[in-house]
């Protein structure tokens, strides 16, 4: 199958699932499984993807299959699992029922343990970990914009059949415009991505776009404090990270401590960000859905407890996000000063 695009399915046709799956559908056979809302939108207007440079690609409604029943994935060579971390158990049950033995599932999810959970439940399937190193935001009905740069990382395998399929999938993703890496140590990459995702909660709680979190001195100080705490916990636990994107995560505290003008210069050639980029956790609060905070900041808290360290800032982030979830009124739109007070 090397050199030929495999039949690809996506379970979880949200922002990431629609953008990755839609990009692959331009030149191949792709089935998306998601909410009826997405199915109806694509049936009405097709699927529109916007890249970092603002270029639009429109996929006609008859060019990609959008279903609500996971059984539509039965004939897929590989399925990209893009559901939220809290839905992994349900996704595993659906995939186990739909897919044939030996099918390949790639977990393109946030957090550390989704691939492990899928693997434990999909006994006769092959599960690979993966990372989406960029952000995608919704820009209207069935319209999604690639909002930050970064690679797609897929766990490497020594199984001959999986190697061939991975090469075919990587080739299809590269042809679709993605920067793709195969990594033997996916856990190290996952920890790096988790550290990068710790600001997702700040995006959700503040209702400000990602550039503001980086270039407003007040918000940036909070981002830095949370990252410093997380890296301290990782060192205490002996956790290894890997470079993911333009800068090693160990450099983040130094870079975030720069004055705003110098930070803009330092990041100008390294990081591309849509001015309106926000985290998926922000969207979850807006849509009154459970967030993934327990699988991001909460993972740092659990790791700290396991090695005798502490993570009070990340613990408070988890608590404040859960308070916002319970109120079900969207983002509390906290200023940097208000957020500091809530975390103290």
Foldseek 3Di string as FASTA:
>chain_A
DFPAAFQEEEEAPDQVRLQLQVLLLVPDHYEYAHDVQLVVLCQVQNAWEAELVGDIDGGHSVSYHYHHQLLVCAPGQEYEYEHEQVCLVVVLVRCLVRYDFAREYEYAYAFQCSQVVSCVSNVRYHYKYKYDLWAKDDDDRNYIYGFKAWAIEIEDDPPPVVNSNVNSNQVSSVVSPGHYYYDNCVNQANLQSLLVCLCLLVCFQAVAAPVCCQQVLLNLVLNLVQSVLLVVLCVLLVHHHDDIFDDRSVCSNVLSPDHNVVNCVVCVVGMRGHNRHHHVQLVCLVVLHDGNLCRRLVVSQVSCVVRVHHRQQSVLSVVVSVVSSVVSPGHNNDDSVRSVVSSD
